[in-house]
Amino acid sequence: NGNPDVMMAAWGSQCGSKQICFELSPHKTTDNI
């Protein structure tokens, strides 16, 4: 519906010159992505 959401995560890292990677459990953010 276009509603903004934001969450904090810590399991993430840069994995290339222009790429990042992270892992999430089931979250609203996971569904939105």
PDB file of all heavy atoms in Angstrom:
ATOM      1  N   ASN A   1       0.812  -1.220   0.000  1.00  0.00           N
ATOM      2  CA  ASN A   1       0.000   0.000   0.000  1.00  0.00           C
ATOM      3  C   ASN A   1       0.845   1.271   0.000  1.00  0.00           C
ATOM      4  O   ASN A   1       0.307   2.371   0.136  1.00  0.00           O
ATOM      5  CB  ASN A   1      -0.927   0.000   1.216  1.00  0.00           C
ATOM      6  CG  ASN A   1      -1.901  -1.158   1.188  1.00  0.00           C
ATOM      7  OD1 ASN A   1      -2.494  -1.455   0.143  1.00  0.00           O
ATOM      8  ND2 ASN A   1      -2.076  -1.832   2.324  1.00  0.00           N
ATOM      9  N   GLY A   2       2.148   1.119  -0.137  1.00  0.00           N
ATOM     10  CA  GLY A   2       3.024   2.282  -0.154  1.00  0.00           C
ATOM     11  C   GLY A   2       3.351   2.840   1.211  1.00  0.00           C
ATOM     12  O   GLY A   2       3.881   3.955   1.313  1.00  0.00           O
ATOM     13  N   ASN A   3       3.073   2.078   2.271  1.00  0.00           N
ATOM     14  CA  ASN A   3       3.403   2.533   3.621  1.00  0.00           C
ATOM     15  C   ASN A   3       4.880   2.270   3.904  1.00  0.00           C
ATOM     16  O   ASN A   3       5.382   1.162   3.663  1.00  0.00           O
ATOM     17  CB  ASN A   3       2.553   1.796   4.655  1.00  0.00           C
ATOM     18  CG  ASN A   3       1.076   2.093   4.510  1.00  0.00           C
ATOM     19  OD1 ASN A   3       0.697   3.241   4.317  1.00  0.00           O
ATOM     20  ND2 ASN A   3       0.254   1.063   4.586  1.00  0.00           N
ATOM     21  N   PRO A   4       5.609   3.256   4.419  1.00  0.00           N
ATOM     22  CA  PRO A   4       7.036   3.061   4.692  1.00  0.00           C
ATOM     23  C   PRO A   4       7.262   2.271   5.968  1.00  0.00           C
ATOM     24  O   PRO A   4       6.496   2.366   6.931  1.00  0.00           O
ATOM     25  CB  PRO A   4       7.555   4.488   4.837  1.00  0.00           C
ATOM     26  CG  PRO A   4       6.383   5.262   5.353  1.00  0.00           C
ATOM     27  CD  PRO A   4       5.173   4.639   4.710  1.00  0.00           C
ATOM     28  N   ASP A   5       8.316   1.487   5.956  1.00  0.00           N
ATOM     29  CA  ASP A   5       8.730   0.734   7.139  1.00  0.00           C
ATOM     30  C   ASP A   5      10.246   0.782   7.215  1.00  0.00           C
ATOM     31  O   ASP A   5      10.929   0.936   6.202  1.00  0.00           O
ATOM     32  CB  ASP A   5       8.246  -0.721   7.045  1.00  0.00           C
ATOM     33  CG  ASP A   5       8.631  -1.546   8.265  1.00  0.00           C
ATOM     34  OD1 ASP A   5       8.728  -0.954   9.364  1.00  0.00           O
ATOM     35  OD2 ASP A   5       8.836  -2.762   8.127  1.00  0.00           O
ATOM     36  N   VAL A   6      10.772   0.654   8.419  1.00  0.00           N
ATOM     37  CA  VAL A   6      12.218   0.578   8.597  1.00  0.00           C
ATOM     38  C   VAL A   6      12.512  -0.315   9.794  1.00  0.00           C
ATOM     39  O   VAL A   6      11.788  -0.290  10.784  1.00  0.00           O
ATOM     40  CB  VAL A   6      12.858   1.979   8.785  1.00  0.00           C
ATOM     41  CG1 VAL A   6      12.277   2.696   9.976  1.00  0.00           C
ATOM     42  CG2 VAL A   6      14.374   1.877   8.898  1.00  0.00           C
ATOM     43  N   MET A   7      13.527  -1.155   9.669  1.00  0.00           N
ATOM     44  CA  MET A   7      13.931  -2.014  10.782  1.00  0.00           C
ATOM     45  C   MET A   7      15.451  -1.984  10.922  1.00  0.00           C
ATOM     46  O   MET A   7      16.171  -1.703   9.963  1.00  0.00           O
ATOM     47  CB  MET A   7      13.467  -3.461  10.573  1.00  0.00           C
ATOM     48  CG  MET A   7      14.162  -4.207   9.445  1.00  0.00           C
ATOM     49  SD  MET A   7      13.880  -6.008   9.480  1.00  0.00           S
ATOM     50  CE  MET A   7      14.944  -6.476  10.856  1.00  0.00           C
ATOM     51  N   MET A   8      15.915  -2.264  12.132  1.00  0.00           N
ATOM     52  CA  MET A   8      17.351  -2.398  12.357  1.00  0.00           C
ATOM     53  C   MET A   8      17.745  -3.854  12.166  1.00  0.00           C
ATOM     54  O   MET A   8      17.027  -4.767  12.589  1.00  0.00           O
ATOM     55  CB  MET A   8      17.729  -1.956  13.774  1.00  0.00           C
ATOM     56  CG  MET A   8      19.228  -2.077  14.069  1.00  0.00           C
ATOM     57  SD  MET A   8      19.653  -1.803  15.800  1.00  0.00           S
ATOM     58  CE  MET A   8      19.446  -0.026  15.939  1.00  0.00           C
ATOM     59  N   ALA A   9      18.891  -4.079  11.537  1.00  0.00           N
ATOM     60  CA  ALA A   9      19.433  -5.423  11.378  1.00  0.00           C
ATOM     61  C   ALA A   9      20.933  -5.369  11.598  1.00  0.00           C
ATOM     62  O   ALA A   9      21.568  -4.322  11.431  1.00  0.00           O
ATOM     63  CB  ALA A   9      19.112  -5.989   9.997  1.00  0.00           C
ATOM     64  N   ALA A  10      21.505  -6.502  11.992  1.00  0.00           N
ATOM     65  CA  ALA A  10      22.947  -6.547  12.210  1.00  0.00           C
ATOM     66  C   ALA A  10      23.633  -7.613  11.378  1.00  0.00           C
ATOM     67  O   ALA A  10      24.836  -7.571  11.226  1.00  0.00           O
ATOM     68  CB  ALA A  10      23.254  -6.793  13.696  1.00  0.00           C
ATOM     69  N   TRP A  11      22.872  -8.570  10.850  1.00  0.00           N
ATOM     70  CA  TRP A  11      23.501  -9.632  10.078  1.00  0.00           C
ATOM     71  C   TRP A  11      23.655  -9.192   8.634  1.00  0.00           C
ATOM     72  O   TRP A  11      22.987  -9.683   7.733  1.00  0.00           O
ATOM     73  CB  TRP A  11      22.658 -10.902  10.157  1.00  0.00           C
ATOM     74  CG  TRP A  11      22.725 -11.564  11.516  1.00  0.00           C
ATOM     75  CD1 TRP A  11      23.192 -11.035  12.677  1.00  0.00           C
ATOM     76  CD2 TRP A  11      22.291 -12.887  11.819  1.00  0.00           C
ATOM     77  NE1 TRP A  11      23.073 -11.935  13.685  1.00  0.00           N
ATOM     78  CE2 TRP A  11      22.519 -13.088  13.201  1.00  0.00           C
ATOM     79  CE3 TRP A  11      21.714 -13.912  11.071  1.00  0.00           C
ATOM     80  CZ2 TRP A  11      22.209 -14.289  13.841  1.00  0.00           C
ATOM     81  CZ3 TRP A  11      21.402 -15.099  11.717  1.00  0.00           C
ATOM     82  CH2 TRP A  11      21.653 -15.285  13.079  1.00  0.00           C
ATOM     83  N   GLY A  12      24.547  -8.244   8.386  1.00  0.00           N
ATOM     84  CA  GLY A  12      24.744  -7.734   7.039  1.00  0.00           C
ATOM     85  C   GLY A  12      26.174  -7.303   6.799  1.00  0.00           C
ATOM     86  O   GLY A  12      26.914  -7.004   7.745  1.00  0.00           O
ATOM     87  N   SER A  13      26.566  -7.275   5.530  1.00  0.00           N
ATOM     88  CA  SER A  13      27.935  -6.897   5.200  1.00  0.00           C
ATOM     89  C   SER A  13      28.031  -6.492   3.746  1.00  0.00           C
ATOM     90  O   SER A  13      27.182  -6.866   2.930  1.00  0.00           O
ATOM     91  CB  SER A  13      28.879  -8.079   5.443  1.00  0.00           C
ATOM     92  OG  SER A  13      30.214  -7.755   5.096  1.00  0.00           O
ATOM     93  N   GLN A  14      29.058  -5.736   3.407  1.00  0.00           N
ATOM     94  CA  GLN A  14      29.364  -5.484   2.010  1.00  0.00           C
ATOM     95  C   GLN A  14      29.980  -6.748   1.429  1.00  0.00           C
ATOM     96  O   GLN A  14      30.848  -7.379   2.039  1.00  0.00           O
ATOM     97  CB  GLN A  14      30.336  -4.315   1.888  1.00  0.00           C
ATOM     98  CG  GLN A  14      30.588  -3.905   0.450  1.00  0.00           C
ATOM     99  CD  GLN A  14      31.318  -2.578   0.341  1.00  0.00           C
ATOM    100  OE1 GLN A  14      31.543  -1.926   1.343  1.00  0.00           O
ATOM    101  NE2 GLN A  14      31.685  -2.193  -0.859  1.00  0.00           N
ATOM    102  N   CYS A  15      29.520  -7.173   0.257  1.00  0.00           N
ATOM    103  CA  CYS A  15      30.002  -8.428  -0.331  1.00  0.00           C
ATOM    104  C   CYS A  15      30.506  -8.220  -1.752  1.00  0.00           C
ATOM    105  O   CYS A  15      30.658  -9.174  -2.508  1.00  0.00           O
ATOM    106  CB  CYS A  15      28.909  -9.501  -0.291  1.00  0.00           C
ATOM    107  SG  CYS A  15      27.389  -9.077  -1.169  1.00  0.00           S
ATOM    108  N   GLY A  16      30.744  -6.998  -2.146  1.00  0.00           N
ATOM    109  CA  GLY A  16      31.271  -6.663  -3.460  1.00  0.00           C
ATOM    110  C   GLY A  16      31.427  -5.164  -3.554  1.00  0.00           C
ATOM    111  O   GLY A  16      30.991  -4.423  -2.663  1.00  0.00           O
ATOM    112  N   SER A  17      32.025  -4.683  -4.634  1.00  0.00           N
ATOM    113  CA  SER A  17      32.261  -3.240  -4.740  1.00  0.00           C
ATOM    114  C   SER A  17      30.964  -2.450  -4.784  1.00  0.00           C
ATOM    115  O   SER A  17      30.922  -1.295  -4.359  1.00  0.00           O
ATOM    116  CB  SER A  17      33.096  -2.941  -5.989  1.00  0.00           C
ATOM    117  OG  SER A  17      32.410  -3.340  -7.165  1.00  0.00           O
ATOM    118  N   LYS A  18      29.884  -3.068  -5.281  1.00  0.00           N
ATOM    119  CA  LYS A  18      28.600  -2.386  -5.354  1.00  0.00           C
ATOM    120  C   LYS A  18      27.473  -3.214  -4.748  1.00  0.00           C
ATOM    121  O   LYS A  18      26.303  -2.932  -4.985  1.00  0.00           O
ATOM    122  CB  LYS A  18      28.256  -2.060  -6.807  1.00  0.00           C
ATOM    123  CG  LYS A  18      29.191  -1.053  -7.466  1.00  0.00           C
ATOM    124  CD  LYS A  18      28.740  -0.750  -8.884  1.00  0.00           C
ATOM    125  CE  LYS A  18      29.663   0.255  -9.563  1.00  0.00           C
ATOM    126  NZ  LYS A  18      29.225   0.548 -10.949  1.00  0.00           N
ATOM    127  N   GLN A  19      27.815  -4.243  -3.985  1.00  0.00           N
ATOM    128  CA  GLN A  19      26.792  -5.136  -3.449  1.00  0.00           C
ATOM    129  C   GLN A  19      26.907  -5.275  -1.937  1.00  0.00           C
ATOM    130  O   GLN A  19      27.996  -5.220  -1.371  1.00  0.00           O
ATOM    131  CB  GLN A  19      26.882  -6.515  -4.104  1.00  0.00           C
ATOM    132  CG  GLN A  19      26.502  -6.512  -5.580  1.00  0.00           C
ATOM    133  CD  GLN A  19      26.448  -7.903  -6.168  1.00  0.00           C
ATOM    134  OE1 GLN A  19      27.181  -8.798  -5.749  1.00  0.00           O
ATOM    135  NE2 GLN A  19      25.573  -8.105  -7.141  1.00  0.00           N
ATOM    136  N   ILE A  20      25.741  -5.455  -1.308  1.00  0.00           N
ATOM    137  CA  ILE A  20      25.673  -5.755   0.107  1.00  0.00           C
ATOM    138  C   ILE A  20      24.802  -6.988   0.284  1.00  0.00           C
ATOM    139  O   ILE A  20      23.999  -7.335  -0.592  1.00  0.00           O
ATOM    140  CB  ILE A  20      25.087  -4.581   0.917  1.00  0.00           C
ATOM    141  CG1 ILE A  20      23.681  -4.238   0.417  1.00  0.00           C
ATOM    142  CG2 ILE A  20      25.990  -3.368   0.854  1.00  0.00           C
ATOM    143  CD1 ILE A  20      22.980  -3.212   1.281  1.00  0.00           C
ATOM    144  N   CYS A  21      24.972  -7.664   1.412  1.00  0.00           N
ATOM    145  CA  CYS A  21      24.211  -8.879   1.676  1.00  0.00           C
ATOM    146  C   CYS A  21      23.787  -8.878   3.138  1.00  0.00           C
ATOM    147  O   CYS A  21      24.544  -8.442   4.013  1.00  0.00           O
ATOM    148  CB  CYS A  21      25.076 -10.110   1.375  1.00  0.00           C
ATOM    149  SG  CYS A  21      24.256 -11.703   1.694  1.00  0.00           S
ATOM    150  N   PHE A  22      22.571  -9.337   3.402  1.00  0.00           N
ATOM    151  CA  PHE A  22      22.125  -9.479   4.787  1.00  0.00           C
ATOM    152  C   PHE A  22      21.111 -10.612   4.870  1.00  0.00           C
ATOM    153  O   PHE A  22      20.563 -11.054   3.864  1.00  0.00           O
ATOM    154  CB  PHE A  22      21.528  -8.173   5.328  1.00  0.00           C
ATOM    155  CG  PHE A  22      20.437  -7.578   4.485  1.00  0.00           C
ATOM    156  CD1 PHE A  22      19.121  -8.013   4.579  1.00  0.00           C
ATOM    157  CD2 PHE A  22      20.724  -6.557   3.585  1.00  0.00           C
ATOM    158  CE1 PHE A  22      18.116  -7.443   3.798  1.00  0.00           C
ATOM    159  CE2 PHE A  22      19.741  -5.984   2.807  1.00  0.00           C
ATOM    160  CZ  PHE A  22      18.427  -6.429   2.911  1.00  0.00           C
ATOM    161  N   GLU A  23      20.892 -11.106   6.090  1.00  0.00           N
ATOM    162  CA  GLU A  23      19.938 -12.177   6.338  1.00  0.00           C
ATOM    163  C   GLU A  23      18.896 -11.711   7.336  1.00  0.00           C
ATOM    164  O   GLU A  23      19.211 -11.025   8.309  1.00  0.00           O
ATOM    165  CB  GLU A  23      20.662 -13.426   6.838  1.00  0.00           C
ATOM    166  CG  GLU A  23      21.635 -13.985   5.825  1.00  0.00           C
ATOM    167  CD  GLU A  23      22.123 -15.381   6.182  1.00  0.00           C
ATOM    168  OE1 GLU A  23      21.644 -15.928   7.194  1.00  0.00           O
ATOM    169  OE2 GLU A  23      22.962 -15.919   5.446  1.00  0.00           O
ATOM    170  N   LEU A  24      17.658 -12.089   7.065  1.00  0.00           N
ATOM    171  CA  LEU A  24      16.537 -11.688   7.904  1.00  0.00           C
ATOM    172  C   LEU A  24      15.680 -12.893   8.250  1.00  0.00           C
ATOM    173  O   LEU A  24      15.538 -13.816   7.448  1.00  0.00           O
ATOM    174  CB  LEU A  24      15.658 -10.659   7.181  1.00  0.00           C
ATOM    175  CG  LEU A  24      16.292  -9.331   6.773  1.00  0.00           C
ATOM    176  CD1 LEU A  24      15.297  -8.520   5.954  1.00  0.00           C
ATOM    177  CD2 LEU A  24      16.745  -8.551   7.992  1.00  0.00           C
ATOM    178  N   SER A  25      15.105 -12.879   9.426  1.00  0.00           N
ATOM    179  CA  SER A  25      14.057 -13.829   9.774  1.00  0.00           C
ATOM    180  C   SER A  25      12.749 -13.313   9.175  1.00  0.00           C
ATOM    181  O   SER A  25      12.741 -12.293   8.490  1.00  0.00           O
ATOM    182  CB  SER A  25      13.963 -13.948  11.294  1.00  0.00           C
ATOM    183  OG  SER A  25      13.663 -12.692  11.863  1.00  0.00           O
ATOM    184  N   PRO A  26      11.628 -13.992   9.382  1.00  0.00           N
ATOM    185  CA  PRO A  26      10.356 -13.475   8.857  1.00  0.00           C
ATOM    186  C   PRO A  26      10.027 -12.116   9.480  1.00  0.00           C
ATOM    187  O   PRO A  26       9.880 -12.001  10.694  1.00  0.00           O
ATOM    188  CB  PRO A  26       9.339 -14.532   9.282  1.00  0.00           C
ATOM    189  CG  PRO A  26      10.129 -15.771   9.474  1.00  0.00           C
ATOM    190  CD  PRO A  26      11.457 -15.320  10.009  1.00  0.00           C
ATOM    191  N   HIS A  27       9.961 -11.105   8.670  1.00  0.00           N
ATOM    192  CA  HIS A  27       9.649  -9.746   9.099  1.00  0.00           C
ATOM    193  C   HIS A  27       8.759  -9.107   8.039  1.00  0.00           C
ATOM    194  O   HIS A  27       8.685  -9.569   6.905  1.00  0.00           O
ATOM    195  CB  HIS A  27      10.921  -8.899   9.234  1.00  0.00           C
ATOM    196  CG  HIS A  27      11.785  -9.230  10.404  1.00  0.00           C
ATOM    197  ND1 HIS A  27      11.455  -8.896  11.697  1.00  0.00           N
ATOM    198  CD2 HIS A  27      12.987  -9.860  10.465  1.00  0.00           C
ATOM    199  CE1 HIS A  27      12.412  -9.308  12.513  1.00  0.00           C
ATOM    200  NE2 HIS A  27      13.347  -9.905  11.795  1.00  0.00           N
ATOM    201  N   LYS A  28       8.134  -8.019   8.400  1.00  0.00           N
ATOM    202  CA  LYS A  28       7.450  -7.185   7.426  1.00  0.00           C
ATOM    203  C   LYS A  28       8.443  -6.742   6.354  1.00  0.00           C
ATOM    204  O   LYS A  28       8.124  -6.729   5.147  1.00  0.00           O
ATOM    205  CB  LYS A  28       6.846  -5.963   8.118  1.00  0.00           C
ATOM    206  CG  LYS A  28       6.098  -5.003   7.204  1.00  0.00           C
ATOM    207  CD  LYS A  28       4.774  -5.590   6.748  1.00  0.00           C
ATOM    208  CE  LYS A  28       3.930  -4.532   6.046  1.00  0.00           C
ATOM    209  NZ  LYS A  28       2.649  -5.090   5.564  1.00  0.00           N
ATOM    210  N   THR A  29       9.648  -6.400   6.765  1.00  0.00           N
ATOM    211  CA  THR A  29      10.686  -5.983   5.826  1.00  0.00           C
ATOM    212  C   THR A  29      11.014  -7.086   4.824  1.00  0.00           C
ATOM    213  O   THR A  29      11.195  -6.821   3.632  1.00  0.00           O
ATOM    214  CB  THR A  29      11.956  -5.568   6.590  1.00  0.00           C
ATOM    215  OG1 THR A  29      11.654  -4.429   7.406  1.00  0.00           O
ATOM    216  CG2 THR A  29      13.094  -5.228   5.644  1.00  0.00           C
ATOM    217  N   THR A  30      11.100  -8.318   5.314  1.00  0.00           N
ATOM    218  CA  THR A  30      11.395  -9.450   4.431  1.00  0.00           C
ATOM    219  C   THR A  30      10.328  -9.575   3.355  1.00  0.00           C
ATOM    220  O   THR A  30      10.633  -9.747   2.167  1.00  0.00           O
ATOM    221  CB  THR A  30      11.477 -10.750   5.250  1.00  0.00           C
ATOM    222  OG1 THR A  30      12.209 -10.524   6.462  1.00  0.00           O
ATOM    223  CG2 THR A  30      12.160 -11.854   4.457  1.00  0.00           C
ATOM    224  N   ASP A  31       9.064  -9.472   3.753  1.00  0.00           N
ATOM    225  CA  ASP A  31       7.956  -9.550   2.794  1.00  0.00           C
ATOM    226  C   ASP A  31       8.002  -8.384   1.812  1.00  0.00           C
ATOM    227  O   ASP A  31       7.760  -8.552   0.612  1.00  0.00           O
ATOM    228  CB  ASP A  31       6.617  -9.541   3.533  1.00  0.00           C
ATOM    229  CG  ASP A  31       6.414 -10.790   4.386  1.00  0.00           C
ATOM    230  OD1 ASP A  31       7.057 -11.821   4.085  1.00  0.00           O
ATOM    231  OD2 ASP A  31       5.626 -10.729   5.349  1.00  0.00           O
ATOM    232  N   ASN A  32       8.309  -7.188   2.324  1.00  0.00           N
ATOM    233  CA  ASN A  32       8.351  -6.011   1.450  1.00  0.00           C
ATOM    234  C   ASN A  32       9.449  -6.118   0.396  1.00  0.00           C
ATOM    235  O   ASN A  32       9.264  -5.706  -0.754  1.00  0.00           O
ATOM    236  CB  ASN A  32       8.567  -4.746   2.293  1.00  0.00           C
ATOM    237  CG  ASN A  32       7.363  -4.376   3.143  1.00  0.00           C
ATOM    238  OD1 ASN A  32       6.284  -4.938   2.984  1.00  0.00           O
ATOM    239  ND2 ASN A  32       7.550  -3.447   4.060  1.00  0.00           N
ATOM    240  N   ILE A  33      10.593  -6.656   0.785  1.00  0.00           N
ATOM    241  CA  ILE A  33      11.687  -6.805  -0.175  1.00  0.00           C
ATOM    242  C   ILE A  33      11.317  -7.813  -1.246  1.00  0.00           C
ATOM    243  O   ILE A  33      11.599  -7.606  -2.440  1.00  0.00           O
ATOM    244  CB  ILE A  33      12.986  -7.213   0.543  1.00  0.00           C
ATOM    245  CG1 ILE A  33      13.495  -6.052   1.399  1.00  0.00           C
ATOM    246  CG2 ILE A  33      14.066  -7.626  -0.470  1.00  0.00           C
ATOM    247  CD1 ILE A  33      14.699  -6.389   2.258  1.00  0.00           C
TER     248      ILE A  33
END
